[in-house]
Amino acid sequence: MRRYLVIGLALAALCAASTLAYARPPTVVSSPSYDRRLQESRSQLGNSPTTEPTRAPVVKPKRSKKKQPN
């Protein structure tokens, strides 16, 4: 009987701890002004002319020194 009580308490503690995982800090709040500015910046990016990506510079392989025979 005592074993079931310990298992039940452990299970209750586990469930209680898992509900705390859904809590968010007060800084994580949707802001209407931020959302509006984000949408405006994204729409401006969509209207900007596209440019071709720059090519990476060609790197020449390094020359290695020849080993001297002993």
PDB file of N, CA and C in Angstrom:
ATOM      1  N   MET A   1       0.817  -1.183   0.000  1.00  0.00           N
ATOM      2  CA  MET A   1       0.000   0.000   0.000  1.00  0.00           C
ATOM      3  C   MET A   1       0.865   1.254   0.000  1.00  0.00           C
ATOM      4  N   ARG A   2       1.941   1.199   0.779  1.00  0.00           N
ATOM      5  CA  ARG A   2       2.821   2.361   0.860  1.00  0.00           C
ATOM      6  C   ARG A   2       3.504   2.614  -0.485  1.00  0.00           C
ATOM      7  N   ARG A   3       3.812   1.564  -1.204  1.00  0.00           N
ATOM      8  CA  ARG A   3       4.452   1.685  -2.509  1.00  0.00           C
ATOM      9  C   ARG A   3       3.548   2.450  -3.474  1.00  0.00           C
ATOM     10  N   TYR A   4       2.258   2.148  -3.463  1.00  0.00           N
ATOM     11  CA  TYR A   4       1.313   2.838  -4.346  1.00  0.00           C
ATOM     12  C   TYR A   4       1.186   4.316  -3.982  1.00  0.00           C
ATOM     13  N   LEU A   5       1.277   4.598  -2.699  1.00  0.00           N
ATOM     14  CA  LEU A   5       1.211   5.982  -2.250  1.00  0.00           C
ATOM     15  C   LEU A   5       2.434   6.761  -2.739  1.00  0.00           C
ATOM     16  N   VAL A   6       3.608   6.159  -2.651  1.00  0.00           N
ATOM     17  CA  VAL A   6       4.836   6.813  -3.110  1.00  0.00           C
ATOM     18  C   VAL A   6       4.796   7.004  -4.627  1.00  0.00           C
ATOM     19  N   ILE A   7       4.346   6.005  -5.346  1.00  0.00           N
ATOM     20  CA  ILE A   7       4.235   6.116  -6.804  1.00  0.00           C
ATOM     21  C   ILE A   7       3.225   7.192  -7.181  1.00  0.00           C
ATOM     22  N   GLY A   8       2.120   7.248  -6.479  1.00  0.00           N
ATOM     23  CA  GLY A   8       1.104   8.264  -6.740  1.00  0.00           C
ATOM     24  C   GLY A   8       1.615   9.671  -6.481  1.00  0.00           C
ATOM     25  N   LEU A   9       2.343   9.855  -5.381  1.00  0.00           N
ATOM     26  CA  LEU A   9       2.914  11.166  -5.084  1.00  0.00           C
ATOM     27  C   LEU A   9       3.970  11.569  -6.117  1.00  0.00           C
ATOM     28  N   ALA A  10       4.773  10.610  -6.526  1.00  0.00           N
ATOM     29  CA  ALA A  10       5.781  10.898  -7.550  1.00  0.00           C
ATOM     30  C   ALA A  10       5.119  11.270  -8.867  1.00  0.00           C
ATOM     31  N   LEU A  11       4.052  10.580  -9.222  1.00  0.00           N
ATOM     32  CA  LEU A  11       3.325  10.881 -10.453  1.00  0.00           C
ATOM     33  C   LEU A  11       2.666  12.253 -10.371  1.00  0.00           C
ATOM     34  N   ALA A  12       2.099  12.581  -9.215  1.00  0.00           N
ATOM     35  CA  ALA A  12       1.482  13.896  -9.036  1.00  0.00           C
ATOM     36  C   ALA A  12       2.533  15.004  -9.129  1.00  0.00           C
ATOM     37  N   ALA A  13       3.705  14.768  -8.551  1.00  0.00           N
ATOM     38  CA  ALA A  13       4.779  15.763  -8.630  1.00  0.00           C
ATOM     39  C   ALA A  13       5.252  15.936 -10.070  1.00  0.00           C
ATOM     40  N   LEU A  14       5.326  14.854 -10.808  1.00  0.00           N
ATOM     41  CA  LEU A  14       5.734  14.918 -12.211  1.00  0.00           C
ATOM     42  C   LEU A  14       4.724  15.700 -13.036  1.00  0.00           C
ATOM     43  N   CYS A  15       3.454  15.456 -12.800  1.00  0.00           N
ATOM     44  CA  CYS A  15       2.412  16.194 -13.533  1.00  0.00           C
ATOM     45  C   CYS A  15       2.426  17.675 -13.172  1.00  0.00           C
ATOM     46  N   ALA A  16       2.637  17.980 -11.907  1.00  0.00           N
ATOM     47  CA  ALA A  16       2.687  19.376 -11.477  1.00  0.00           C
ATOM     48  C   ALA A  16       3.889  20.084 -12.097  1.00  0.00           C
ATOM     49  N   ALA A  17       5.003  19.396 -12.193  1.00  0.00           N
ATOM     50  CA  ALA A  17       6.200  19.996 -12.776  1.00  0.00           C
ATOM     51  C   ALA A  17       6.034  20.205 -14.279  1.00  0.00           C
ATOM     52  N   SER A  18       5.300  19.329 -14.935  1.00  0.00           N
ATOM     53  CA  SER A  18       5.132  19.471 -16.385  1.00  0.00           C
ATOM     54  C   SER A  18       4.206  20.628 -16.732  1.00  0.00           C
ATOM     55  N   THR A  19       3.286  21.004 -15.841  1.00  0.00           N
ATOM     56  CA  THR A  19       2.407  22.135 -16.127  1.00  0.00           C
ATOM     57  C   THR A  19       3.165  23.449 -16.023  1.00  0.00           C
ATOM     58  N   LEU A  20       4.250  23.494 -15.267  1.00  0.00           N
ATOM     59  CA  LEU A  20       5.043  24.707 -15.160  1.00  0.00           C
ATOM     60  C   LEU A  20       5.815  24.989 -16.445  1.00  0.00           C
ATOM     61  N   ALA A  21       6.000  23.986 -17.274  1.00  0.00           N
ATOM     62  CA  ALA A  21       6.745  24.167 -18.514  1.00  0.00           C
ATOM     63  C   ALA A  21       5.987  25.047 -19.502  1.00  0.00           C
ATOM     64  N   TYR A  22       4.688  25.187 -19.350  1.00  0.00           N
ATOM     65  CA  TYR A  22       3.905  26.000 -20.264  1.00  0.00           C
ATOM     66  C   TYR A  22       3.921  27.477 -19.878  1.00  0.00           C
ATOM     67  N   ALA A  23       4.447  27.812 -18.731  1.00  0.00           N
ATOM     68  CA  ALA A  23       4.468  29.201 -18.288  1.00  0.00           C
ATOM     69  C   ALA A  23       5.465  29.992 -19.133  1.00  0.00           C
ATOM     70  N   ARG A  24       5.078  31.214 -19.511  1.00  0.00           N
ATOM     71  CA  ARG A  24       5.959  32.074 -20.288  1.00  0.00           C
ATOM     72  C   ARG A  24       6.322  33.295 -19.452  1.00  0.00           C
ATOM     73  N   PRO A  25       7.511  33.814 -19.641  1.00  0.00           N
ATOM     74  CA  PRO A  25       7.869  35.031 -18.917  1.00  0.00           C
ATOM     75  C   PRO A  25       7.031  36.205 -19.418  1.00  0.00           C
ATOM     76  N   PRO A  26       6.875  37.249 -18.621  1.00  0.00           N
ATOM     77  CA  PRO A  26       6.029  38.366 -19.026  1.00  0.00           C
ATOM     78  C   PRO A  26       6.553  39.128 -20.233  1.00  0.00           C
ATOM     79  N   THR A  27       7.811  38.915 -20.619  1.00  0.00           N
ATOM     80  CA  THR A  27       8.349  39.618 -21.778  1.00  0.00           C
ATOM     81  C   THR A  27       7.890  39.002 -23.090  1.00  0.00           C
ATOM     82  N   VAL A  28       7.357  37.791 -23.052  1.00  0.00           N
ATOM     83  CA  VAL A  28       6.917  37.123 -24.265  1.00  0.00           C
ATOM     84  C   VAL A  28       5.436  37.438 -24.476  1.00  0.00           C
ATOM     85  N   VAL A  29       5.182  38.617 -25.002  1.00  0.00           N
ATOM     86  CA  VAL A  29       3.820  39.060 -25.246  1.00  0.00           C
ATOM     87  C   VAL A  29       3.775  39.619 -26.649  1.00  0.00           C
ATOM     88  N   SER A  30       2.742  39.291 -27.393  1.00  0.00           N
ATOM     89  CA  SER A  30       2.646  39.825 -28.740  1.00  0.00           C
ATOM     90  C   SER A  30       2.338  41.316 -28.669  1.00  0.00           C
ATOM     91  N   SER A  31       3.085  42.080 -29.431  1.00  0.00           N
ATOM     92  CA  SER A  31       2.929  43.529 -29.440  1.00  0.00           C
ATOM     93  C   SER A  31       2.363  43.942 -30.792  1.00  0.00           C
ATOM     94  N   PRO A  32       1.217  44.618 -30.834  1.00  0.00           N
ATOM     95  CA  PRO A  32       0.642  45.028 -32.111  1.00  0.00           C
ATOM     96  C   PRO A  32       1.554  45.972 -32.895  1.00  0.00           C
ATOM     97  N   SER A  33       2.239  46.876 -32.210  1.00  0.00           N
ATOM     98  CA  SER A  33       3.101  47.813 -32.935  1.00  0.00           C
ATOM     99  C   SER A  33       4.296  47.077 -33.543  1.00  0.00           C
ATOM    100  N   TYR A  34       4.852  46.113 -32.827  1.00  0.00           N
ATOM    101  CA  TYR A  34       5.969  45.338 -33.371  1.00  0.00           C
ATOM    102  C   TYR A  34       5.519  44.519 -34.567  1.00  0.00           C
ATOM    103  N   ASP A  35       4.357  43.895 -34.462  1.00  0.00           N
ATOM    104  CA  ASP A  35       3.844  43.104 -35.577  1.00  0.00           C
ATOM    105  C   ASP A  35       3.619  43.974 -36.809  1.00  0.00           C
ATOM    106  N   ARG A  36       3.108  45.196 -36.603  1.00  0.00           N
ATOM    107  CA  ARG A  36       2.857  46.101 -37.727  1.00  0.00           C
ATOM    108  C   ARG A  36       4.174  46.504 -38.392  1.00  0.00           C
ATOM    109  N   ARG A  37       5.175  46.856 -37.582  1.00  0.00           N
ATOM    110  CA  ARG A  37       6.472  47.226 -38.154  1.00  0.00           C
ATOM    111  C   ARG A  37       7.116  46.051 -38.867  1.00  0.00           C
ATOM    112  N   LEU A  38       6.957  44.862 -38.332  1.00  0.00           N
ATOM    113  CA  LEU A  38       7.517  43.678 -38.967  1.00  0.00           C
ATOM    114  C   LEU A  38       6.866  43.427 -40.318  1.00  0.00           C
ATOM    115  N   GLN A  39       5.553  43.567 -40.401  1.00  0.00           N
ATOM    116  CA  GLN A  39       4.853  43.390 -41.667  1.00  0.00           C
ATOM    117  C   GLN A  39       5.267  44.454 -42.678  1.00  0.00           C
ATOM    118  N   GLU A  40       5.452  45.697 -42.227  1.00  0.00           N
ATOM    119  CA  GLU A  40       5.882  46.759 -43.132  1.00  0.00           C
ATOM    120  C   GLU A  40       7.274  46.485 -43.686  1.00  0.00           C
ATOM    121  N   SER A  41       8.183  46.032 -42.826  1.00  0.00           N
ATOM    122  CA  SER A  41       9.536  45.768 -43.300  1.00  0.00           C
ATOM    123  C   SER A  41       9.554  44.585 -44.258  1.00  0.00           C
ATOM    124  N   ARG A  42       8.720  43.600 -44.001  1.00  0.00           N
ATOM    125  CA  ARG A  42       8.663  42.454 -44.912  1.00  0.00           C
ATOM    126  C   ARG A  42       8.062  42.850 -46.256  1.00  0.00           C
ATOM    127  N   SER A  43       7.074  43.730 -46.237  1.00  0.00           N
ATOM    128  CA  SER A  43       6.489  44.155 -47.511  1.00  0.00           C
ATOM    129  C   SER A  43       7.484  44.995 -48.298  1.00  0.00           C
ATOM    130  N   GLN A  44       8.313  45.788 -47.611  1.00  0.00           N
ATOM    131  CA  GLN A  44       9.331  46.567 -48.300  1.00  0.00           C
ATOM    132  C   GLN A  44      10.390  45.652 -48.893  1.00  0.00           C
ATOM    133  N   LEU A  45      10.717  44.578 -48.209  1.00  0.00           N
ATOM    134  CA  LEU A  45      11.679  43.630 -48.754  1.00  0.00           C
ATOM    135  C   LEU A  45      11.121  42.944 -49.989  1.00  0.00           C
ATOM    136  N   GLY A  46       9.830  42.675 -49.993  1.00  0.00           N
ATOM    137  CA  GLY A  46       9.213  42.025 -51.140  1.00  0.00           C
ATOM    138  C   GLY A  46       9.169  42.922 -52.360  1.00  0.00           C
ATOM    139  N   ASN A  47       9.116  44.241 -52.163  1.00  0.00           N
ATOM    140  CA  ASN A  47       9.045  45.181 -53.269  1.00  0.00           C
ATOM    141  C   ASN A  47      10.410  45.613 -53.770  1.00  0.00           C
ATOM    142  N   SER A  48      11.465  45.305 -53.055  1.00  0.00           N
ATOM    143  CA  SER A  48      12.797  45.746 -53.468  1.00  0.00           C
ATOM    144  C   SER A  48      13.262  44.921 -54.664  1.00  0.00           C
ATOM    145  N   PRO A  49      14.038  45.550 -55.569  1.00  0.00           N
ATOM    146  CA  PRO A  49      14.531  44.801 -56.729  1.00  0.00           C
ATOM    147  C   PRO A  49      15.521  43.736 -56.290  1.00  0.00           C
ATOM    148  N   THR A  50      15.476  42.628 -56.964  1.00  0.00           N
ATOM    149  CA  THR A  50      16.375  41.530 -56.599  1.00  0.00           C
ATOM    150  C   THR A  50      17.726  41.734 -57.264  1.00  0.00           C
ATOM    151  N   THR A  51      18.750  41.382 -56.570  1.00  0.00           N
ATOM    152  CA  THR A  51      20.101  41.456 -57.113  1.00  0.00           C
ATOM    153  C   THR A  51      20.674  40.052 -57.157  1.00  0.00           C
ATOM    154  N   GLU A  52      21.621  39.877 -58.054  1.00  0.00           N
ATOM    155  CA  GLU A  52      22.252  38.567 -58.153  1.00  0.00           C
ATOM    156  C   GLU A  52      23.202  38.375 -56.984  1.00  0.00           C
ATOM    157  N   PRO A  53      23.267  37.177 -56.462  1.00  0.00           N
ATOM    158  CA  PRO A  53      24.195  36.937 -55.344  1.00  0.00           C
ATOM    159  C   PRO A  53      25.637  37.087 -55.819  1.00  0.00           C
ATOM    160  N   THR A  54      26.472  37.617 -54.986  1.00  0.00           N
ATOM    161  CA  THR A  54      27.877  37.782 -55.342  1.00  0.00           C
ATOM    162  C   THR A  54      28.564  36.432 -55.312  1.00  0.00           C
ATOM    163  N   ARG A  55      29.495  36.283 -56.203  1.00  0.00           N
ATOM    164  CA  ARG A  55      30.220  35.018 -56.266  1.00  0.00           C
ATOM    165  C   ARG A  55      31.357  35.034 -55.265  1.00  0.00           C
ATOM    166  N   ALA A  56      31.622  33.887 -54.717  1.00  0.00           N
ATOM    167  CA  ALA A  56      32.713  33.763 -53.757  1.00  0.00           C
ATOM    168  C   ALA A  56      34.046  33.876 -54.488  1.00  0.00           C
ATOM    169  N   PRO A  57      35.034  34.531 -53.906  1.00  0.00           N
ATOM    170  CA  PRO A  57      36.330  34.655 -54.585  1.00  0.00           C
ATOM    171  C   PRO A  57      36.988  33.287 -54.729  1.00  0.00           C
ATOM    172  N   VAL A  58      37.692  33.145 -55.836  1.00  0.00           N
ATOM    173  CA  VAL A  58      38.376  31.885 -56.106  1.00  0.00           C
ATOM    174  C   VAL A  58      39.665  31.855 -55.289  1.00  0.00           C
ATOM    175  N   VAL A  59      39.819  30.805 -54.507  1.00  0.00           N
ATOM    176  CA  VAL A  59      41.000  30.667 -53.663  1.00  0.00           C
ATOM    177  C   VAL A  59      41.956  29.696 -54.328  1.00  0.00           C
ATOM    178  N   LYS A  60      43.189  30.173 -54.526  1.00  0.00           N
ATOM    179  CA  LYS A  60      44.190  29.307 -55.135  1.00  0.00           C
ATOM    180  C   LYS A  60      44.737  28.361 -54.077  1.00  0.00           C
ATOM    181  N   PRO A  61      45.024  27.117 -54.450  1.00  0.00           N
ATOM    182  CA  PRO A  61      45.565  26.184 -53.458  1.00  0.00           C
ATOM    183  C   PRO A  61      46.973  26.610 -53.050  1.00  0.00           C
ATOM    184  N   LYS A  62      47.284  26.390 -51.790  1.00  0.00           N
ATOM    185  CA  LYS A  62      48.604  26.740 -51.280  1.00  0.00           C
ATOM    186  C   LYS A  62      49.618  25.716 -51.748  1.00  0.00           C
ATOM    187  N   ARG A  63      50.810  26.219 -52.029  1.00  0.00           N
ATOM    188  CA  ARG A  63      51.875  25.302 -52.432  1.00  0.00           C
ATOM    189  C   ARG A  63      52.555  24.772 -51.176  1.00  0.00           C
ATOM    190  N   SER A  64      52.786  23.495 -51.173  1.00  0.00           N
ATOM    191  CA  SER A  64      53.465  22.911 -50.016  1.00  0.00           C
ATOM    192  C   SER A  64      54.945  22.730 -50.340  1.00  0.00           C
ATOM    193  N   LYS A  65      55.750  22.839 -49.316  1.00  0.00           N
ATOM    194  CA  LYS A  65      57.201  22.682 -49.511  1.00  0.00           C
ATOM    195  C   LYS A  65      57.513  21.205 -49.678  1.00  0.00           C
ATOM    196  N   LYS A  66      58.473  20.954 -50.564  1.00  0.00           N
ATOM    197  CA  LYS A  66      58.913  19.576 -50.748  1.00  0.00           C
ATOM    198  C   LYS A  66      59.851  19.207 -49.598  1.00  0.00           C
ATOM    199  N   LYS A  67      59.686  18.002 -49.102  1.00  0.00           N
ATOM    200  CA  LYS A  67      60.519  17.559 -47.999  1.00  0.00           C
ATOM    201  C   LYS A  67      61.904  17.164 -48.524  1.00  0.00           C
ATOM    202  N   GLN A  68      62.896  17.564 -47.788  1.00  0.00           N
ATOM    203  CA  GLN A  68      64.272  17.214 -48.132  1.00  0.00           C
ATOM    204  C   GLN A  68      64.562  15.802 -47.677  1.00  0.00           C
ATOM    205  N   PRO A  69      65.196  14.987 -48.538  1.00  0.00           N
ATOM    206  CA  PRO A  69      65.551  13.641 -48.072  1.00  0.00           C
ATOM    207  C   PRO A  69      66.685  13.729 -47.063  1.00  0.00           C
ATOM    208  N   ASN A  70      66.658  12.890 -46.045  1.00  0.00           N
ATOM    209  CA  ASN A  70      67.707  12.918 -45.016  1.00  0.00           C
ATOM    210  C   ASN A  70      68.915  12.172 -45.429  1.00  0.00           C
TER     211      ASN A  70
END
